[in-house]
């Protein structure tokens, strides 16, 4: 699945991961942050926690560990991570996901 050009025109985020590994397109409001992630290489997201997060996988495969429980997710899968719950993931190259963060300032917009 290709993201439409208008989504690709959303600003990128200043994230601590190389753009050749993962690219982002984001919408921010005072109430939260919506991020379209595209993973170009296999990626390991170390365990961490923050305020609430909801997401869905558009393409690819994610091995998600949430609160100590690991599941392999495919396209159409949804995750709902409560505030403060530890989570991490192993994400396959080619995966595309939409994540919605409760924290509007979880990541800064680039530029």
N, C-alpha and C. Protein backbone atom coordinates (compact mmCIF):
# COMPACT_ATOMS: atom_id res chain seq x y z
N UNK A 1 0.84 -1.18 0.00
CA UNK A 1 0.00 0.00 0.00
C UNK A 1 0.88 1.24 0.00
N UNK A 2 0.64 2.11 -0.93
CA UNK A 2 1.35 3.39 -0.98
C UNK A 2 0.53 4.45 -0.25
N UNK A 3 1.21 5.29 0.52
CA UNK A 3 0.51 6.41 1.15
C UNK A 3 0.24 7.47 0.08
N UNK A 4 -0.91 8.14 0.13
CA UNK A 4 -1.20 9.20 -0.83
C UNK A 4 -0.20 10.35 -0.70
N UNK A 5 0.01 11.06 -1.80
CA UNK A 5 0.97 12.17 -1.80
C UNK A 5 0.65 13.22 -0.75
N UNK A 6 -0.64 13.50 -0.51
CA UNK A 6 -0.94 14.55 0.47
C UNK A 6 -0.48 14.16 1.86
N UNK A 7 -0.48 12.85 2.19
CA UNK A 7 0.05 12.41 3.49
C UNK A 7 1.57 12.50 3.49
N UNK A 8 2.19 12.14 2.37
CA UNK A 8 3.65 12.25 2.27
C UNK A 8 4.12 13.69 2.38
N UNK A 9 3.22 14.65 2.17
CA UNK A 9 3.56 16.07 2.31
C UNK A 9 3.44 16.57 3.74
N UNK A 10 2.88 15.76 4.65
CA UNK A 10 2.84 16.15 6.06
C UNK A 10 4.28 16.25 6.56
N UNK A 11 4.53 17.09 7.55
CA UNK A 11 5.90 17.23 8.06
C UNK A 11 6.46 15.93 8.65
N UNK A 12 7.76 15.76 8.51
CA UNK A 12 8.46 14.65 9.15
C UNK A 12 8.70 14.98 10.62
N UNK A 13 9.03 13.96 11.38
CA UNK A 13 9.35 14.15 12.80
C UNK A 13 10.84 14.11 13.03
N UNK A 14 11.26 14.78 14.08
CA UNK A 14 12.64 14.71 14.53
C UNK A 14 12.72 13.53 15.50
N UNK A 15 13.00 12.33 14.94
CA UNK A 15 13.05 11.12 15.76
C UNK A 15 14.50 10.63 15.82
N UNK A 16 14.84 9.85 16.84
CA UNK A 16 16.24 9.41 17.01
C UNK A 16 16.59 8.16 16.19
N UNK A 17 16.01 8.03 15.01
CA UNK A 17 16.27 6.87 14.16
C UNK A 17 16.61 7.36 12.76
N UNK A 18 17.51 6.71 12.04
CA UNK A 18 17.91 7.16 10.71
C UNK A 18 16.75 7.11 9.71
N UNK A 19 16.65 8.13 8.85
CA UNK A 19 15.57 8.20 7.88
C UNK A 19 15.65 7.08 6.84
N UNK A 20 16.86 6.53 6.61
CA UNK A 20 16.95 5.40 5.68
C UNK A 20 16.35 4.12 6.29
N UNK A 21 16.12 4.14 7.61
CA UNK A 21 15.49 3.01 8.30
C UNK A 21 14.00 3.22 8.46
N UNK A 22 13.60 4.41 8.87
CA UNK A 22 12.18 4.72 9.09
C UNK A 22 11.91 6.17 8.71
N UNK A 23 10.83 6.38 7.97
CA UNK A 23 10.42 7.75 7.65
C UNK A 23 9.05 8.00 8.26
N UNK A 24 8.76 9.28 8.48
CA UNK A 24 7.53 9.67 9.18
C UNK A 24 6.84 10.81 8.45
N UNK A 25 5.53 10.87 8.67
CA UNK A 25 4.69 11.96 8.20
C UNK A 25 3.69 12.18 9.34
N UNK A 26 3.54 13.42 9.81
CA UNK A 26 2.78 13.63 11.05
C UNK A 26 1.80 14.79 10.98
N UNK A 27 0.78 14.65 11.80
CA UNK A 27 -0.20 15.71 12.05
C UNK A 27 -0.23 15.91 13.56
N UNK A 28 -0.14 17.16 14.00
CA UNK A 28 -0.15 17.46 15.43
C UNK A 28 -1.32 18.39 15.75
N UNK A 29 -1.93 18.15 16.92
CA UNK A 29 -2.91 19.07 17.46
C UNK A 29 -2.61 19.23 18.94
N UNK A 30 -3.31 20.10 19.61
CA UNK A 30 -3.11 20.25 21.05
C UNK A 30 -3.50 18.98 21.80
N UNK A 31 -4.34 18.15 21.19
CA UNK A 31 -4.85 16.95 21.85
C UNK A 31 -3.99 15.71 21.62
N UNK A 32 -3.10 15.73 20.62
CA UNK A 32 -2.30 14.53 20.36
C UNK A 32 -1.51 14.64 19.07
N UNK A 33 -0.90 13.53 18.70
CA UNK A 33 -0.01 13.45 17.54
C UNK A 33 -0.36 12.19 16.75
N UNK A 34 -0.59 12.35 15.44
CA UNK A 34 -0.85 11.22 14.55
C UNK A 34 0.36 11.08 13.64
N UNK A 35 0.93 9.85 13.59
CA UNK A 35 2.14 9.62 12.81
C UNK A 35 1.95 8.44 11.86
N UNK A 36 2.31 8.66 10.61
CA UNK A 36 2.37 7.60 9.61
C UNK A 36 3.84 7.17 9.54
N UNK A 37 4.11 5.93 9.92
CA UNK A 37 5.47 5.39 9.91
C UNK A 37 5.65 4.47 8.70
N UNK A 38 6.80 4.59 8.02
CA UNK A 38 7.18 3.68 6.95
C UNK A 38 8.56 3.13 7.29
N UNK A 39 8.67 1.81 7.44
CA UNK A 39 9.92 1.17 7.82
C UNK A 39 10.60 0.60 6.57
N UNK A 40 11.79 1.10 6.28
CA UNK A 40 12.53 0.72 5.08
C UNK A 40 13.51 -0.42 5.33
N UNK A 41 13.84 -0.64 6.59
CA UNK A 41 14.74 -1.72 7.01
C UNK A 41 14.13 -2.37 8.26
N UNK A 42 14.53 -3.62 8.53
CA UNK A 42 14.12 -4.24 9.79
C UNK A 42 14.54 -3.32 10.93
N UNK A 43 13.71 -3.27 11.97
CA UNK A 43 13.92 -2.28 13.03
C UNK A 43 13.54 -2.89 14.38
N UNK A 44 14.38 -2.66 15.38
CA UNK A 44 14.08 -3.08 16.74
C UNK A 44 13.81 -1.83 17.57
N UNK A 45 12.61 -1.75 18.12
CA UNK A 45 12.22 -0.65 19.01
C UNK A 45 12.36 -1.16 20.43
N UNK A 46 13.35 -0.64 21.18
CA UNK A 46 13.59 -1.15 22.55
C UNK A 46 12.39 -0.88 23.46
N UNK A 47 12.24 -1.68 24.52
CA UNK A 47 11.16 -1.45 25.47
C UNK A 47 11.21 -0.04 26.06
N UNK A 48 10.04 0.57 26.18
CA UNK A 48 9.92 1.92 26.71
C UNK A 48 8.46 2.14 27.12
N UNK A 49 8.17 3.28 27.72
CA UNK A 49 6.79 3.62 28.05
C UNK A 49 6.61 5.13 27.95
N UNK A 50 5.38 5.55 27.85
CA UNK A 50 5.00 6.96 27.75
C UNK A 50 3.50 7.03 27.95
N UNK A 51 2.87 8.16 27.64
CA UNK A 51 1.42 8.26 27.74
C UNK A 51 0.77 7.33 26.70
N UNK A 52 -0.54 7.28 26.66
CA UNK A 52 -1.29 6.33 25.83
C UNK A 52 -0.94 6.43 24.35
N UNK A 53 -1.08 5.29 23.68
CA UNK A 53 -0.79 5.17 22.25
C UNK A 53 -1.79 4.18 21.64
N UNK A 54 -2.31 4.51 20.48
CA UNK A 54 -3.17 3.62 19.72
C UNK A 54 -2.61 3.54 18.32
N UNK A 55 -2.67 2.36 17.69
CA UNK A 55 -2.14 2.26 16.34
C UNK A 55 -2.75 1.12 15.55
N UNK A 56 -2.46 1.13 14.25
CA UNK A 56 -2.88 0.07 13.36
C UNK A 56 -1.81 -0.18 12.31
N UNK A 57 -1.68 -1.42 11.90
CA UNK A 57 -0.69 -1.81 10.91
C UNK A 57 -1.35 -1.84 9.53
N UNK A 58 -0.81 -1.07 8.61
CA UNK A 58 -1.34 -1.02 7.24
C UNK A 58 -0.74 -2.12 6.38
N UNK A 59 0.57 -2.32 6.49
CA UNK A 59 1.31 -3.31 5.71
C UNK A 59 2.42 -3.89 6.57
N UNK A 60 2.83 -5.11 6.27
CA UNK A 60 4.01 -5.68 6.91
C UNK A 60 3.70 -6.53 8.11
N UNK A 61 4.69 -6.59 9.02
CA UNK A 61 4.60 -7.46 10.19
C UNK A 61 5.35 -6.83 11.35
N UNK A 62 4.73 -6.89 12.51
CA UNK A 62 5.34 -6.39 13.75
C UNK A 62 5.21 -7.47 14.82
N UNK A 63 6.32 -7.76 15.47
CA UNK A 63 6.28 -8.59 16.68
C UNK A 63 6.27 -7.62 17.84
N UNK A 64 5.10 -7.44 18.44
CA UNK A 64 4.89 -6.40 19.45
C UNK A 64 4.87 -7.05 20.82
N UNK A 65 5.64 -6.51 21.76
CA UNK A 65 5.58 -6.95 23.15
C UNK A 65 4.99 -5.80 23.95
N UNK A 66 3.82 -6.04 24.53
CA UNK A 66 3.12 -5.03 25.31
C UNK A 66 2.85 -5.62 26.69
N UNK A 67 3.39 -4.96 27.70
CA UNK A 67 3.20 -5.40 29.08
C UNK A 67 3.61 -6.87 29.27
N UNK A 68 4.71 -7.26 28.60
CA UNK A 68 5.27 -8.60 28.75
C UNK A 68 4.66 -9.67 27.86
N UNK A 69 3.62 -9.32 27.09
CA UNK A 69 2.97 -10.29 26.20
C UNK A 69 3.35 -10.00 24.76
N UNK A 70 3.90 -11.01 24.06
CA UNK A 70 4.38 -10.84 22.68
C UNK A 70 3.39 -11.47 21.70
N UNK A 71 3.06 -10.69 20.66
CA UNK A 71 2.18 -11.17 19.59
C UNK A 71 2.74 -10.71 18.26
N UNK A 72 2.58 -11.54 17.23
CA UNK A 72 2.96 -11.16 15.87
C UNK A 72 1.72 -10.61 15.18
N UNK A 73 1.83 -9.38 14.67
CA UNK A 73 0.70 -8.68 14.08
C UNK A 73 0.90 -8.50 12.59
N UNK A 74 -0.20 -8.61 11.84
CA UNK A 74 -0.19 -8.38 10.41
C UNK A 74 -1.12 -7.23 10.05
N UNK A 75 -1.24 -6.95 8.75
CA UNK A 75 -2.08 -5.84 8.30
C UNK A 75 -3.50 -5.91 8.88
N UNK A 76 -3.96 -4.76 9.34
CA UNK A 76 -5.28 -4.66 9.94
C UNK A 76 -5.28 -4.79 11.45
N UNK A 77 -4.17 -5.25 12.02
CA UNK A 77 -4.08 -5.38 13.48
C UNK A 77 -4.11 -4.00 14.13
N UNK A 78 -4.64 -3.96 15.34
CA UNK A 78 -4.75 -2.72 16.11
C UNK A 78 -4.12 -2.95 17.48
N UNK A 79 -3.45 -1.92 18.01
CA UNK A 79 -2.93 -1.97 19.38
C UNK A 79 -3.42 -0.75 20.12
N UNK A 80 -3.64 -0.94 21.41
CA UNK A 80 -4.12 0.12 22.29
C UNK A 80 -3.28 0.00 23.57
N UNK A 81 -2.32 0.88 23.72
CA UNK A 81 -1.36 0.79 24.82
C UNK A 81 -1.71 1.86 25.86
N UNK A 82 -2.13 1.46 27.04
CA UNK A 82 -2.45 2.44 28.08
C UNK A 82 -1.21 3.22 28.53
N UNK A 83 -1.44 4.36 29.10
CA UNK A 83 -0.38 5.20 29.62
C UNK A 83 0.49 4.44 30.61
N UNK A 84 1.80 4.55 30.43
CA UNK A 84 2.75 3.97 31.37
C UNK A 84 3.08 2.50 31.15
N UNK A 85 2.43 1.82 30.20
CA UNK A 85 2.67 0.40 29.97
C UNK A 85 3.91 0.22 29.09
N UNK A 86 4.84 -0.63 29.54
CA UNK A 86 6.06 -0.87 28.78
C UNK A 86 5.74 -1.67 27.51
N UNK A 87 6.38 -1.28 26.42
CA UNK A 87 6.19 -1.96 25.14
C UNK A 87 7.43 -1.79 24.28
N UNK A 88 7.61 -2.71 23.34
CA UNK A 88 8.70 -2.67 22.39
C UNK A 88 8.28 -3.52 21.19
N UNK A 89 9.09 -3.47 20.12
CA UNK A 89 8.68 -4.18 18.91
C UNK A 89 9.87 -4.54 18.04
N UNK A 90 9.67 -5.58 17.23
CA UNK A 90 10.56 -5.92 16.14
C UNK A 90 9.72 -5.73 14.88
N UNK A 91 10.14 -4.81 14.02
CA UNK A 91 9.33 -4.39 12.89
C UNK A 91 10.04 -4.77 11.60
N UNK A 92 9.33 -5.46 10.71
CA UNK A 92 9.90 -5.92 9.44
C UNK A 92 9.96 -4.78 8.43
N UNK A 93 11.02 -4.79 7.62
CA UNK A 93 11.15 -3.84 6.51
C UNK A 93 9.90 -3.91 5.64
N UNK A 94 9.43 -2.76 5.17
CA UNK A 94 8.24 -2.70 4.34
C UNK A 94 6.97 -2.45 5.14
N UNK A 95 7.07 -2.47 6.46
CA UNK A 95 5.90 -2.24 7.30
C UNK A 95 5.50 -0.77 7.26
N UNK A 96 4.19 -0.55 7.33
CA UNK A 96 3.63 0.81 7.42
C UNK A 96 2.59 0.79 8.52
N UNK A 97 2.65 1.80 9.39
CA UNK A 97 1.73 1.85 10.53
C UNK A 97 1.27 3.28 10.76
N UNK A 98 0.12 3.40 11.38
CA UNK A 98 -0.37 4.69 11.87
C UNK A 98 -0.41 4.58 13.38
N UNK A 99 0.24 5.51 14.06
CA UNK A 99 0.20 5.57 15.52
C UNK A 99 -0.36 6.92 15.95
N UNK A 100 -1.20 6.88 16.97
CA UNK A 100 -1.78 8.09 17.56
C UNK A 100 -1.31 8.15 19.00
N UNK A 101 -0.63 9.24 19.33
CA UNK A 101 -0.05 9.42 20.67
C UNK A 101 -0.86 10.45 21.45
N UNK A 102 -1.12 10.15 22.71
CA UNK A 102 -1.80 11.08 23.60
C UNK A 102 -0.98 12.36 23.78
N UNK A 103 0.34 12.21 23.74
CA UNK A 103 1.24 13.35 23.93
C UNK A 103 1.42 14.11 22.62
N UNK A 104 0.93 15.33 22.57
CA UNK A 104 1.09 16.15 21.36
C UNK A 104 2.55 16.42 21.06
N UNK A 105 3.37 16.44 22.10
CA UNK A 105 4.80 16.75 21.92
C UNK A 105 5.68 15.51 22.08
N UNK A 106 5.12 14.33 21.82
CA UNK A 106 5.92 13.09 21.91
C UNK A 106 7.18 13.20 21.07
N UNK A 107 7.04 13.71 19.86
CA UNK A 107 8.17 13.99 18.97
C UNK A 107 7.97 15.39 18.40
N UNK A 108 9.05 16.08 18.12
CA UNK A 108 8.98 17.40 17.51
C UNK A 108 8.88 17.26 16.00
N UNK A 109 8.17 18.18 15.37
CA UNK A 109 8.14 18.23 13.91
C UNK A 109 9.49 18.70 13.40
N UNK A 110 9.95 18.12 12.31
CA UNK A 110 11.23 18.52 11.72
C UNK A 110 11.02 19.78 10.88
N UNK A 111 12.02 20.65 10.91
CA UNK A 111 11.96 21.82 10.05
C UNK A 111 11.68 23.03 10.82
